[in-house]
Amino acid sequence: MKNSRLLPKEKRILLELGENIKLARLRRNLTAKMLSERANISRSTLWSLESGRSNISIESLLQILSSLGMADELAQIGADDILGRKLQDAQLKNPK
């Protein structure tokens, strides 16, 4: 398996995601132990996510978001693909 080399911007995004998940957990007055048990993941997996590490699976992310009542937000990723829609429109205006 190839080692992932994240760009600085991508690392910042993961850090922000982790911080947002942690804040959502704290707003719900959940300890890391409580959330990890509800999500059926290890505390180290939750810690990895909240620390912005890139080693967690999308399945674990979904389990955490589901336990926080936020799973629908994951499904919204890419729904407002502004760049993709502009590229699509440009191709429609300039047919080959």
C-alpha atoms as a PDB file:
ATOM      1  CA  MET A   1       0.000   0.000   0.000  1.00  0.00           C
ATOM      2  CA  LYS A   2       1.266   3.453  -0.916  1.00  0.00           C
ATOM      3  CA  ASN A   3       1.930   5.966   1.856  1.00  0.00           C
ATOM      4  CA  SER A   4      -0.336   8.982   1.647  1.00  0.00           C
ATOM      5  CA  ARG A   5       1.346  12.345   1.353  1.00  0.00           C
ATOM      6  CA  LEU A   6      -1.118  15.020   2.292  1.00  0.00           C
ATOM      7  CA  LEU A   7      -0.692  18.600   1.211  1.00  0.00           C
ATOM      8  CA  PRO A   8      -0.642  21.245   3.962  1.00  0.00           C
ATOM      9  CA  LYS A   9      -4.141  22.400   2.973  1.00  0.00           C
ATOM     10  CA  GLU A  10      -5.451  18.833   3.234  1.00  0.00           C
ATOM     11  CA  LYS A  11      -3.853  18.453   6.673  1.00  0.00           C
ATOM     12  CA  ARG A  12      -5.573  21.658   7.806  1.00  0.00           C
ATOM     13  CA  ILE A  13      -8.908  20.321   6.548  1.00  0.00           C
ATOM     14  CA  LEU A  14      -8.468  17.131   8.581  1.00  0.00           C
ATOM     15  CA  LEU A  15      -7.523  19.147  11.661  1.00  0.00           C
ATOM     16  CA  GLU A  16     -10.625  21.297  11.224  1.00  0.00           C
ATOM     17  CA  LEU A  17     -12.828  18.234  10.729  1.00  0.00           C
ATOM     18  CA  GLY A  18     -11.430  16.669  13.890  1.00  0.00           C
ATOM     19  CA  GLU A  19     -11.954  19.836  15.884  1.00  0.00           C
ATOM     20  CA  ASN A  20     -15.531  20.160  14.601  1.00  0.00           C
ATOM     21  CA  ILE A  21     -16.299  16.553  15.590  1.00  0.00           C
ATOM     22  CA  LYS A  22     -14.799  17.133  19.030  1.00  0.00           C
ATOM     23  CA  LEU A  23     -16.834  20.312  19.529  1.00  0.00           C
ATOM     24  CA  ALA A  24     -20.015  18.501  18.434  1.00  0.00           C
ATOM     25  CA  ARG A  25     -19.255  15.783  21.002  1.00  0.00           C
ATOM     26  CA  LEU A  26     -18.629  18.323  23.755  1.00  0.00           C
ATOM     27  CA  ARG A  27     -21.800  20.286  22.928  1.00  0.00           C
ATOM     28  CA  ARG A  28     -23.710  17.047  23.508  1.00  0.00           C
ATOM     29  CA  ASN A  29     -21.915  16.535  26.837  1.00  0.00           C
ATOM     30  CA  LEU A  30     -20.459  13.236  25.669  1.00  0.00           C
ATOM     31  CA  THR A  31     -17.121  11.933  26.864  1.00  0.00           C
ATOM     32  CA  ALA A  32     -14.780  10.286  24.377  1.00  0.00           C
ATOM     33  CA  LYS A  33     -15.542   6.965  26.058  1.00  0.00           C
ATOM     34  CA  MET A  34     -19.301   7.446  25.702  1.00  0.00           C
ATOM     35  CA  LEU A  35     -19.101   8.399  22.025  1.00  0.00           C
ATOM     36  CA  SER A  36     -16.696   5.621  21.138  1.00  0.00           C
ATOM     37  CA  GLU A  37     -18.997   3.087  22.803  1.00  0.00           C
ATOM     38  CA  ARG A  38     -22.055   4.466  21.003  1.00  0.00           C
ATOM     39  CA  ALA A  39     -20.212   4.442  17.676  1.00  0.00           C
ATOM     40  CA  ASN A  40     -18.807   0.961  18.359  1.00  0.00           C
ATOM     41  CA  ILE A  41     -15.244   2.102  17.728  1.00  0.00           C
ATOM     42  CA  SER A  42     -12.145   2.263  19.894  1.00  0.00           C
ATOM     43  CA  ARG A  43     -11.285   5.387  21.832  1.00  0.00           C
ATOM     44  CA  SER A  44      -8.007   5.552  19.928  1.00  0.00           C
ATOM     45  CA  THR A  45      -9.941   5.717  16.636  1.00  0.00           C
ATOM     46  CA  LEU A  46     -12.026   8.598  17.972  1.00  0.00           C
ATOM     47  CA  TRP A  47      -8.880  10.293  19.250  1.00  0.00           C
ATOM     48  CA  SER A  48      -7.275   9.887  15.820  1.00  0.00           C
ATOM     49  CA  LEU A  49     -10.229  11.564  14.127  1.00  0.00           C
ATOM     50  CA  GLU A  50     -10.430  14.395  16.644  1.00  0.00           C
ATOM     51  CA  SER A  51      -6.665  14.935  16.265  1.00  0.00           C
ATOM     52  CA  GLY A  52      -6.932  15.299  12.500  1.00  0.00           C
ATOM     53  CA  ARG A  53      -5.115  12.100  11.635  1.00  0.00           C
ATOM     54  CA  SER A  54      -5.793  10.503   8.273  1.00  0.00           C
ATOM     55  CA  ASN A  55      -5.740   6.872   9.373  1.00  0.00           C
ATOM     56  CA  ILE A  56      -9.442   6.328  10.060  1.00  0.00           C
ATOM     57  CA  SER A  57     -11.879   4.660   7.706  1.00  0.00           C
ATOM     58  CA  ILE A  58     -14.918   6.296   6.206  1.00  0.00           C
ATOM     59  CA  GLU A  59     -16.932   3.609   8.002  1.00  0.00           C
ATOM     60  CA  SER A  60     -15.630   4.841  11.361  1.00  0.00           C
ATOM     61  CA  LEU A  61     -16.378   8.422  10.375  1.00  0.00           C
ATOM     62  CA  LEU A  62     -19.931   7.447   9.474  1.00  0.00           C
ATOM     63  CA  GLN A  63     -20.390   5.591  12.771  1.00  0.00           C
ATOM     64  CA  ILE A  64     -19.202   8.630  14.720  1.00  0.00           C
ATOM     65  CA  LEU A  65     -21.408  11.031  12.761  1.00  0.00           C
ATOM     66  CA  SER A  66     -24.401   8.696  13.162  1.00  0.00           C
ATOM     67  CA  SER A  67     -23.858   8.587  16.913  1.00  0.00           C
ATOM     68  CA  LEU A  68     -23.842  12.387  16.969  1.00  0.00           C
ATOM     69  CA  GLY A  69     -26.991  12.610  14.808  1.00  0.00           C
ATOM     70  CA  MET A  70     -24.994  14.123  11.946  1.00  0.00           C
ATOM     71  CA  ALA A  71     -24.814  11.292   9.380  1.00  0.00           C
ATOM     72  CA  ASP A  72     -26.868  13.232   6.836  1.00  0.00           C
ATOM     73  CA  GLU A  73     -24.106  15.844   6.671  1.00  0.00           C
ATOM     74  CA  LEU A  74     -21.722  13.241   5.243  1.00  0.00           C
ATOM     75  CA  ALA A  75     -24.182  12.532   2.450  1.00  0.00           C
ATOM     76  CA  GLN A  76     -24.164  16.236   1.516  1.00  0.00           C
ATOM     77  CA  ILE A  77     -20.483  16.224   0.533  1.00  0.00           C
ATOM     78  CA  GLY A  78     -20.277  17.103  -3.132  1.00  0.00           C
ATOM     79  CA  ALA A  79     -23.970  17.952  -3.416  1.00  0.00           C
ATOM     80  CA  ASP A  80     -23.148  21.583  -4.227  1.00  0.00           C
ATOM     81  CA  ASP A  81     -20.354  20.895  -6.699  1.00  0.00           C
ATOM     82  CA  ILE A  82     -20.021  24.445  -8.000  1.00  0.00           C
ATOM     83  CA  LEU A  83     -16.832  23.850 -10.004  1.00  0.00           C
ATOM     84  CA  GLY A  84     -18.147  20.622 -11.518  1.00  0.00           C
ATOM     85  CA  ARG A  85     -21.372  22.303 -12.571  1.00  0.00           C
ATOM     86  CA  LYS A  86     -19.490  25.182 -14.187  1.00  0.00           C
ATOM     87  CA  LEU A  87     -17.314  22.734 -16.112  1.00  0.00           C
ATOM     88  CA  GLN A  88     -20.393  20.806 -17.200  1.00  0.00           C
ATOM     89  CA  ASP A  89     -22.118  23.990 -18.338  1.00  0.00           C
ATOM     90  CA  ALA A  90     -19.016  25.047 -20.275  1.00  0.00           C
ATOM     91  CA  GLN A  91     -19.006  21.752 -22.135  1.00  0.00           C
ATOM     92  CA  LEU A  92     -22.671  22.159 -23.003  1.00  0.00           C
ATOM     93  CA  LYS A  93     -22.045  25.621 -24.437  1.00  0.00           C
ATOM     94  CA  ASN A  94     -19.120  24.441 -26.558  1.00  0.00           C
ATOM     95  CA  PRO A  95     -20.127  21.105 -28.105  1.00  0.00           C
ATOM     96  CA  LYS A  96     -17.448  19.351 -30.141  1.00  0.00           C
END
